PDB file of N, CA and C in Angstrom:
ATOM      1  N   UNK A   1       0.830  -1.194   0.000  1.00  0.00           N
ATOM      2  CA  UNK A   1       0.000   0.000   0.000  1.00  0.00           C
ATOM      3  C   UNK A   1       0.878   1.264   0.000  1.00  0.00           C
ATOM      4  N   UNK A   2       0.332   2.294  -0.547  1.00  0.00           N
ATOM      5  CA  UNK A   2       1.023   3.573  -0.634  1.00  0.00           C
ATOM      6  C   UNK A   2       0.724   4.384   0.620  1.00  0.00           C
ATOM      7  N   UNK A   3       1.759   5.015   1.208  1.00  0.00           N
ATOM      8  CA  UNK A   3       1.515   5.851   2.373  1.00  0.00           C
ATOM      9  C   UNK A   3       1.190   7.281   1.965  1.00  0.00           C
ATOM     10  N   UNK A   4       1.767   7.731   0.839  1.00  0.00           N
ATOM     11  CA  UNK A   4       1.449   9.068   0.347  1.00  0.00           C
ATOM     12  C   UNK A   4       0.360   8.953  -0.711  1.00  0.00           C
ATOM     13  N   UNK A   5      -0.457   9.968  -0.777  1.00  0.00           N
ATOM     14  CA  UNK A   5      -1.558   9.958  -1.734  1.00  0.00           C
ATOM     15  C   UNK A   5      -1.170  10.775  -2.961  1.00  0.00           C
ATOM     16  N   UNK A   6      -1.779  10.442  -4.069  1.00  0.00           N
ATOM     17  CA  UNK A   6      -1.654  11.265  -5.272  1.00  0.00           C
ATOM     18  C   UNK A   6      -2.967  11.180  -6.015  1.00  0.00           C
ATOM     19  N   UNK A   7      -3.187  12.130  -6.894  1.00  0.00           N
ATOM     20  CA  UNK A   7      -4.442  12.186  -7.638  1.00  0.00           C
ATOM     21  C   UNK A   7      -4.303  11.465  -8.971  1.00  0.00           C
ATOM     22  N   UNK A   8      -5.332  10.694  -9.289  1.00  0.00           N
ATOM     23  CA  UNK A   8      -5.370   9.965 -10.552  1.00  0.00           C
ATOM     24  C   UNK A   8      -6.412  10.588 -11.463  1.00  0.00           C
ATOM     25  N   UNK A   9      -6.179  10.497 -12.770  1.00  0.00           N
ATOM     26  CA  UNK A   9      -7.197  10.942 -13.718  1.00  0.00           C
ATOM     27  C   UNK A   9      -8.187   9.797 -13.934  1.00  0.00           C
ATOM     28  N   UNK A  10      -9.173  10.020 -14.766  1.00  0.00           N
ATOM     29  CA  UNK A  10     -10.237   9.037 -14.969  1.00  0.00           C
ATOM     30  C   UNK A  10      -9.685   7.742 -15.566  1.00  0.00           C
ATOM     31  N   UNK A  11      -8.795   7.842 -16.538  1.00  0.00           N
ATOM     32  CA  UNK A  11      -8.250   6.639 -17.176  1.00  0.00           C
ATOM     33  C   UNK A  11      -7.477   5.789 -16.166  1.00  0.00           C
ATOM     34  N   UNK A  12      -6.663   6.426 -15.342  1.00  0.00           N
ATOM     35  CA  UNK A  12      -5.887   5.688 -14.336  1.00  0.00           C
ATOM     36  C   UNK A  12      -6.807   5.028 -13.303  1.00  0.00           C
ATOM     37  N   UNK A  13      -7.813   5.763 -12.851  1.00  0.00           N
ATOM     38  CA  UNK A  13      -8.745   5.227 -11.865  1.00  0.00           C
ATOM     39  C   UNK A  13      -9.550   4.074 -12.456  1.00  0.00           C
ATOM     40  N   UNK A  14      -9.997   4.203 -13.684  1.00  0.00           N
ATOM     41  CA  UNK A  14     -10.772   3.141 -14.332  1.00  0.00           C
ATOM     42  C   UNK A  14      -9.939   1.869 -14.446  1.00  0.00           C
ATOM     43  N   UNK A  15      -8.677   2.001 -14.781  1.00  0.00           N
ATOM     44  CA  UNK A  15      -7.803   0.826 -14.888  1.00  0.00           C
ATOM     45  C   UNK A  15      -7.658   0.134 -13.532  1.00  0.00           C
ATOM     46  N   UNK A  16      -7.456   0.897 -12.481  1.00  0.00           N
ATOM     47  CA  UNK A  16      -7.313   0.306 -11.144  1.00  0.00           C
ATOM     48  C   UNK A  16      -8.592  -0.366 -10.679  1.00  0.00           C
ATOM     49  N   UNK A  17      -9.731   0.246 -10.990  1.00  0.00           N
ATOM     50  CA  UNK A  17     -11.028  -0.270 -10.530  1.00  0.00           C
ATOM     51  C   UNK A  17     -11.620  -1.301 -11.483  1.00  0.00           C
ATOM     52  N   UNK A  18     -10.931  -1.556 -12.595  1.00  0.00           N
ATOM     53  CA  UNK A  18     -11.403  -2.519 -13.597  1.00  0.00           C
ATOM     54  C   UNK A  18     -12.823  -2.175 -14.062  1.00  0.00           C
ATOM     55  N   UNK A  19     -12.993  -0.925 -14.423  1.00  0.00           N
ATOM     56  CA  UNK A  19     -14.270  -0.439 -14.938  1.00  0.00           C
ATOM     57  C   UNK A  19     -13.981   0.489 -16.112  1.00  0.00           C
ATOM     58  N   UNK A  20     -15.014   1.098 -16.645  1.00  0.00           N
ATOM     59  CA  UNK A  20     -14.816   1.993 -17.785  1.00  0.00           C
ATOM     60  C   UNK A  20     -14.753   3.446 -17.332  1.00  0.00           C
ATOM     61  N   UNK A  21     -14.155   4.254 -18.178  1.00  0.00           N
ATOM     62  CA  UNK A  21     -14.145   5.688 -17.906  1.00  0.00           C
ATOM     63  C   UNK A  21     -15.571   6.216 -17.895  1.00  0.00           C
ATOM     64  N   UNK A  22     -16.401   5.732 -18.804  1.00  0.00           N
ATOM     65  CA  UNK A  22     -17.790   6.164 -18.876  1.00  0.00           C
ATOM     66  C   UNK A  22     -18.509   5.909 -17.546  1.00  0.00           C
ATOM     67  N   UNK A  23     -18.288   4.728 -16.960  1.00  0.00           N
ATOM     68  CA  UNK A  23     -18.909   4.406 -15.669  1.00  0.00           C
ATOM     69  C   UNK A  23     -18.491   5.422 -14.606  1.00  0.00           C
ATOM     70  N   UNK A  24     -17.204   5.752 -14.567  1.00  0.00           N
ATOM     71  CA  UNK A  24     -16.730   6.698 -13.557  1.00  0.00           C
ATOM     72  C   UNK A  24     -17.295   8.101 -13.791  1.00  0.00           C
ATOM     73  N   UNK A  25     -17.404   8.509 -15.050  1.00  0.00           N
ATOM     74  CA  UNK A  25     -18.010   9.821 -15.323  1.00  0.00           C
ATOM     75  C   UNK A  25     -19.466   9.859 -14.871  1.00  0.00           C
ATOM     76  N   UNK A  26     -20.185   8.753 -15.039  1.00  0.00           N
ATOM     77  CA  UNK A  26     -21.604   8.729 -14.660  1.00  0.00           C
ATOM     78  C   UNK A  26     -21.826   8.530 -13.160  1.00  0.00           C
ATOM     79  N   UNK A  27     -20.897   7.868 -12.472  1.00  0.00           N
ATOM     80  CA  UNK A  27     -21.132   7.490 -11.075  1.00  0.00           C
ATOM     81  C   UNK A  27     -20.086   8.038 -10.099  1.00  0.00           C
ATOM     82  N   UNK A  28     -19.309   9.023 -10.508  1.00  0.00           N
ATOM     83  CA  UNK A  28     -18.217   9.492  -9.676  1.00  0.00           C
ATOM     84  C   UNK A  28     -18.677   9.941  -8.290  1.00  0.00           C
ATOM     85  N   UNK A  29     -19.857  10.521  -8.177  1.00  0.00           N
ATOM     86  CA  UNK A  29     -20.325  11.047  -6.894  1.00  0.00           C
ATOM     87  C   UNK A  29     -20.614   9.937  -5.877  1.00  0.00           C
ATOM     88  N   UNK A  30     -20.712   8.692  -6.333  1.00  0.00           N
ATOM     89  CA  UNK A  30     -20.957   7.558  -5.436  1.00  0.00           C
ATOM     90  C   UNK A  30     -19.687   7.101  -4.721  1.00  0.00           C
ATOM     91  N   UNK A  31     -18.545   7.578  -5.175  1.00  0.00           N
ATOM     92  CA  UNK A  31     -17.262   7.171  -4.596  1.00  0.00           C
ATOM     93  C   UNK A  31     -16.714   8.295  -3.713  1.00  0.00           C
ATOM     94  N   UNK A  32     -16.400   7.960  -2.473  1.00  0.00           N
ATOM     95  CA  UNK A  32     -15.890   8.963  -1.533  1.00  0.00           C
ATOM     96  C   UNK A  32     -14.506   9.479  -1.910  1.00  0.00           C
ATOM     97  N   UNK A  33     -13.789   8.747  -2.744  1.00  0.00           N
ATOM     98  CA  UNK A  33     -12.434   9.123  -3.123  1.00  0.00           C
ATOM     99  C   UNK A  33     -12.391   9.909  -4.442  1.00  0.00           C
ATOM    100  N   UNK A  34     -13.547  10.307  -4.964  1.00  0.00           N
ATOM    101  CA  UNK A  34     -13.617  11.044  -6.229  1.00  0.00           C
ATOM    102  C   UNK A  34     -14.117  12.462  -5.987  1.00  0.00           C
ATOM    103  N   UNK A  35     -13.603  13.391  -6.755  1.00  0.00           N
ATOM    104  CA  UNK A  35     -14.073  14.773  -6.640  1.00  0.00           C
ATOM    105  C   UNK A  35     -13.797  15.523  -7.936  1.00  0.00           C
ATOM    106  N   UNK A  36     -14.496  16.625  -8.096  1.00  0.00           N
ATOM    107  CA  UNK A  36     -14.292  17.488  -9.264  1.00  0.00           C
ATOM    108  C   UNK A  36     -13.075  18.365  -9.002  1.00  0.00           C
ATOM    109  N   UNK A  37     -12.067  18.227  -9.827  1.00  0.00           N
ATOM    110  CA  UNK A  37     -10.869  19.063  -9.720  1.00  0.00           C
ATOM    111  C   UNK A  37     -11.183  20.455 -10.257  1.00  0.00           C
ATOM    112  N   UNK A  38     -11.843  20.485 -11.399  1.00  0.00           N
ATOM    113  CA  UNK A  38     -12.398  21.706 -11.974  1.00  0.00           C
ATOM    114  C   UNK A  38     -13.790  21.311 -12.456  1.00  0.00           C
ATOM    115  N   UNK A  39     -14.609  22.243 -12.911  1.00  0.00           N
ATOM    116  CA  UNK A  39     -15.951  21.851 -13.367  1.00  0.00           C
ATOM    117  C   UNK A  39     -15.955  20.767 -14.448  1.00  0.00           C
ATOM    118  N   UNK A  40     -14.844  20.620 -15.178  1.00  0.00           N
ATOM    119  CA  UNK A  40     -14.812  19.625 -16.257  1.00  0.00           C
ATOM    120  C   UNK A  40     -13.793  18.514 -16.040  1.00  0.00           C
ATOM    121  N   UNK A  41     -13.190  18.448 -14.861  1.00  0.00           N
ATOM    122  CA  UNK A  41     -12.171  17.430 -14.611  1.00  0.00           C
ATOM    123  C   UNK A  41     -12.448  16.687 -13.311  1.00  0.00           C
ATOM    124  N   UNK A  42     -12.410  15.357 -13.397  1.00  0.00           N
ATOM    125  CA  UNK A  42     -12.534  14.511 -12.215  1.00  0.00           C
ATOM    126  C   UNK A  42     -11.147  14.046 -11.795  1.00  0.00           C
ATOM    127  N   UNK A  43     -10.969  13.879 -10.497  1.00  0.00           N
ATOM    128  CA  UNK A  43      -9.745  13.308  -9.961  1.00  0.00           C
ATOM    129  C   UNK A  43     -10.128  12.295  -8.890  1.00  0.00           C
ATOM    130  N   UNK A  44      -9.244  11.329  -8.698  1.00  0.00           N
ATOM    131  CA  UNK A  44      -9.485  10.235  -7.768  1.00  0.00           C
ATOM    132  C   UNK A  44      -8.261  10.048  -6.883  1.00  0.00           C
ATOM    133  N   UNK A  45      -8.488   9.824  -5.611  1.00  0.00           N
ATOM    134  CA  UNK A  45      -7.412   9.602  -4.658  1.00  0.00           C
ATOM    135  C   UNK A  45      -6.886   8.180  -4.811  1.00  0.00           C
ATOM    136  N   UNK A  46      -5.574   8.042  -5.041  1.00  0.00           N
ATOM    137  CA  UNK A  46      -4.962   6.730  -5.145  1.00  0.00           C
ATOM    138  C   UNK A  46      -5.160   5.949  -3.848  1.00  0.00           C
ATOM    139  N   UNK A  47      -4.888   6.579  -2.726  1.00  0.00           N
ATOM    140  CA  UNK A  47      -5.057   5.911  -1.433  1.00  0.00           C
ATOM    141  C   UNK A  47      -6.517   5.531  -1.217  1.00  0.00           C
ATOM    142  N   UNK A  48      -7.438   6.405  -1.613  1.00  0.00           N
ATOM    143  CA  UNK A  48      -8.855   6.106  -1.484  1.00  0.00           C
ATOM    144  C   UNK A  48      -9.259   4.885  -2.294  1.00  0.00           C
ATOM    145  N   UNK A  49      -8.732   4.773  -3.511  1.00  0.00           N
ATOM    146  CA  UNK A  49      -9.033   3.613  -4.349  1.00  0.00           C
ATOM    147  C   UNK A  49      -8.451   2.349  -3.726  1.00  0.00           C
ATOM    148  N   UNK A  50      -7.218   2.430  -3.234  1.00  0.00           N
ATOM    149  CA  UNK A  50      -6.601   1.265  -2.606  1.00  0.00           C
ATOM    150  C   UNK A  50      -7.399   0.812  -1.381  1.00  0.00           C
ATOM    151  N   UNK A  51      -7.845   1.755  -0.572  1.00  0.00           N
ATOM    152  CA  UNK A  51      -8.658   1.413   0.598  1.00  0.00           C
ATOM    153  C   UNK A  51      -9.990   0.793   0.171  1.00  0.00           C
ATOM    154  N   UNK A  52     -10.602   1.335  -0.875  1.00  0.00           N
ATOM    155  CA  UNK A  52     -11.874   0.819  -1.399  1.00  0.00           C
ATOM    156  C   UNK A  52     -11.700  -0.632  -1.867  1.00  0.00           C
ATOM    157  N   UNK A  53     -10.643  -0.900  -2.618  1.00  0.00           N
ATOM    158  CA  UNK A  53     -10.389  -2.252  -3.111  1.00  0.00           C
ATOM    159  C   UNK A  53     -10.145  -3.201  -1.939  1.00  0.00           C
ATOM    160  N   UNK A  54      -9.372  -2.769  -0.956  1.00  0.00           N
ATOM    161  CA  UNK A  54      -9.109  -3.610   0.211  1.00  0.00           C
ATOM    162  C   UNK A  54     -10.401  -3.938   0.957  1.00  0.00           C
ATOM    163  N   UNK A  55     -11.285  -2.950   1.111  1.00  0.00           N
ATOM    164  CA  UNK A  55     -12.578  -3.197   1.781  1.00  0.00           C
ATOM    165  C   UNK A  55     -13.428  -4.185   0.991  1.00  0.00           C
ATOM    166  N   UNK A  56     -13.470  -4.019  -0.330  1.00  0.00           N
ATOM    167  CA  UNK A  56     -14.258  -4.928  -1.164  1.00  0.00           C
ATOM    168  C   UNK A  56     -13.718  -6.360  -1.075  1.00  0.00           C
ATOM    169  N   UNK A  57     -12.397  -6.521  -1.090  1.00  0.00           N
ATOM    170  CA  UNK A  57     -11.812  -7.852  -0.962  1.00  0.00           C
ATOM    171  C   UNK A  57     -12.124  -8.460   0.398  1.00  0.00           C
ATOM    172  N   UNK A  58     -12.072  -7.642   1.435  1.00  0.00           N
ATOM    173  CA  UNK A  58     -12.392  -8.111   2.788  1.00  0.00           C
ATOM    174  C   UNK A  58     -13.860  -8.540   2.870  1.00  0.00           C
ATOM    175  N   UNK A  59     -14.757  -7.776   2.262  1.00  0.00           N
ATOM    176  CA  UNK A  59     -16.176  -8.133   2.249  1.00  0.00           C
ATOM    177  C   UNK A  59     -16.388  -9.464   1.537  1.00  0.00           C
ATOM    178  N   UNK A  60     -15.702  -9.672   0.429  1.00  0.00           N
ATOM    179  CA  UNK A  60     -15.830 -10.931  -0.305  1.00  0.00           C
ATOM    180  C   UNK A  60     -15.302 -12.094   0.524  1.00  0.00           C
ATOM    181  N   UNK A  61     -14.207 -11.849   1.227  1.00  0.00           N
ATOM    182  CA  UNK A  61     -13.611 -12.894   2.060  1.00  0.00           C
ATOM    183  C   UNK A  61     -14.567 -13.317   3.169  1.00  0.00           C
ATOM    184  N   UNK A  62     -15.214 -12.349   3.816  1.00  0.00           N
ATOM    185  CA  UNK A  62     -16.135 -12.647   4.906  1.00  0.00           C
ATOM    186  C   UNK A  62     -17.461 -13.207   4.421  1.00  0.00           C
ATOM    187  N   UNK A  63     -17.816 -12.928   3.200  1.00  0.00           N
ATOM    188  CA  UNK A  63     -19.084 -13.421   2.669  1.00  0.00           C
ATOM    189  C   UNK A  63     -19.020 -14.919   2.382  1.00  0.00           C
ATOM    190  N   UNK A  64     -17.828 -15.461   2.198  1.00  0.00           N
ATOM    191  CA  UNK A  64     -17.685 -16.879   1.899  1.00  0.00           C
ATOM    192  C   UNK A  64     -17.974 -17.159   0.439  1.00  0.00           C
ATOM    193  N   UNK A  65     -17.890 -18.433   0.080  1.00  0.00           N
ATOM    194  CA  UNK A  65     -18.123 -18.780  -1.324  1.00  0.00           C
ATOM    195  C   UNK A  65     -19.590 -18.618  -1.695  1.00  0.00           C
ATOM    196  N   UNK A  66     -19.871 -18.393  -2.969  1.00  0.00           N
ATOM    197  CA  UNK A  66     -21.273 -18.255  -3.382  1.00  0.00           C
ATOM    198  C   UNK A  66     -22.024 -19.568  -3.169  1.00  0.00           C
ATOM    199  N   UNK A  67     -23.280 -19.463  -2.817  1.00  0.00           N
ATOM    200  CA  UNK A  67     -24.119 -20.635  -2.600  1.00  0.00           C
ATOM    201  C   UNK A  67     -24.712 -21.045  -3.944  1.00  0.00           C
ATOM    202  N   UNK A  68     -24.515 -22.316  -4.336  1.00  0.00           N
ATOM    203  CA  UNK A  68     -25.066 -22.734  -5.630  1.00  0.00           C
ATOM    204  C   UNK A  68     -26.593 -22.758  -5.587  1.00  0.00           C
ATOM    205  N   UNK A  69     -27.187 -22.495  -6.736  1.00  0.00           N
ATOM    206  CA  UNK A  69     -28.652 -22.495  -6.823  1.00  0.00           C
ATOM    207  C   UNK A  69     -29.166 -23.919  -6.664  1.00  0.00           C
ATOM    208  N   UNK A  70     -30.257 -24.058  -5.956  1.00  0.00           N
ATOM    209  CA  UNK A  70     -30.878 -25.377  -5.785  1.00  0.00           C
ATOM    210  C   UNK A  70     -31.820 -25.629  -6.948  1.00  0.00           C
ATOM    211  N   UNK A  71     -31.809 -26.833  -7.406  1.00  0.00           N
ATOM    212  CA  UNK A  71     -32.742 -27.188  -8.456  1.00  0.00           C
ATOM    213  C   UNK A  71     -34.112 -27.391  -7.804  1.00  0.00           C
ATOM    214  N   UNK A  72     -35.152 -27.110  -8.563  1.00  0.00           N
ATOM    215  CA  UNK A  72     -36.506 -27.234  -8.042  1.00  0.00           C
ATOM    216  C   UNK A  72     -36.794 -28.697  -7.737  1.00  0.00           C
ATOM    217  N   UNK A  73     -37.166 -28.975  -6.504  1.00  0.00           N
ATOM    218  CA  UNK A  73     -37.489 -30.345  -6.097  1.00  0.00           C
ATOM    219  C   UNK A  73     -38.983 -30.569  -6.155  1.00  0.00           C
ATOM    220  N   UNK A  74     -39.376 -31.650  -6.760  1.00  0.00           N
ATOM    221  CA  UNK A  74     -40.789 -31.999  -6.865  1.00  0.00           C
ATOM    222  C   UNK A  74     -41.019 -33.248  -6.021  1.00  0.00           C
ATOM    223  N   UNK A  75     -42.025 -33.186  -5.139  1.00  0.00           N
ATOM    224  CA  UNK A  75     -42.325 -34.357  -4.305  1.00  0.00           C
ATOM    225  C   UNK A  75     -43.125 -35.370  -5.071  1.00  0.00           C
TER     226      UNK A  75
END
């Protein structure tokens, strides 16, 4: 993990988050680590993205493996 923070542009953030730039432009306000640098520029905190990814991985770890769907049983 990085101890110092730096700002990422949309392309860099999309690559780290494995999503599209379009998704980030449409949903940037949903991420606490995203903000408008200027009225036409978005920036993302590198440390914020790393923390977000770590939380998501931790949530997946605690959720356990997915439960397979049960087939419909007929008596």
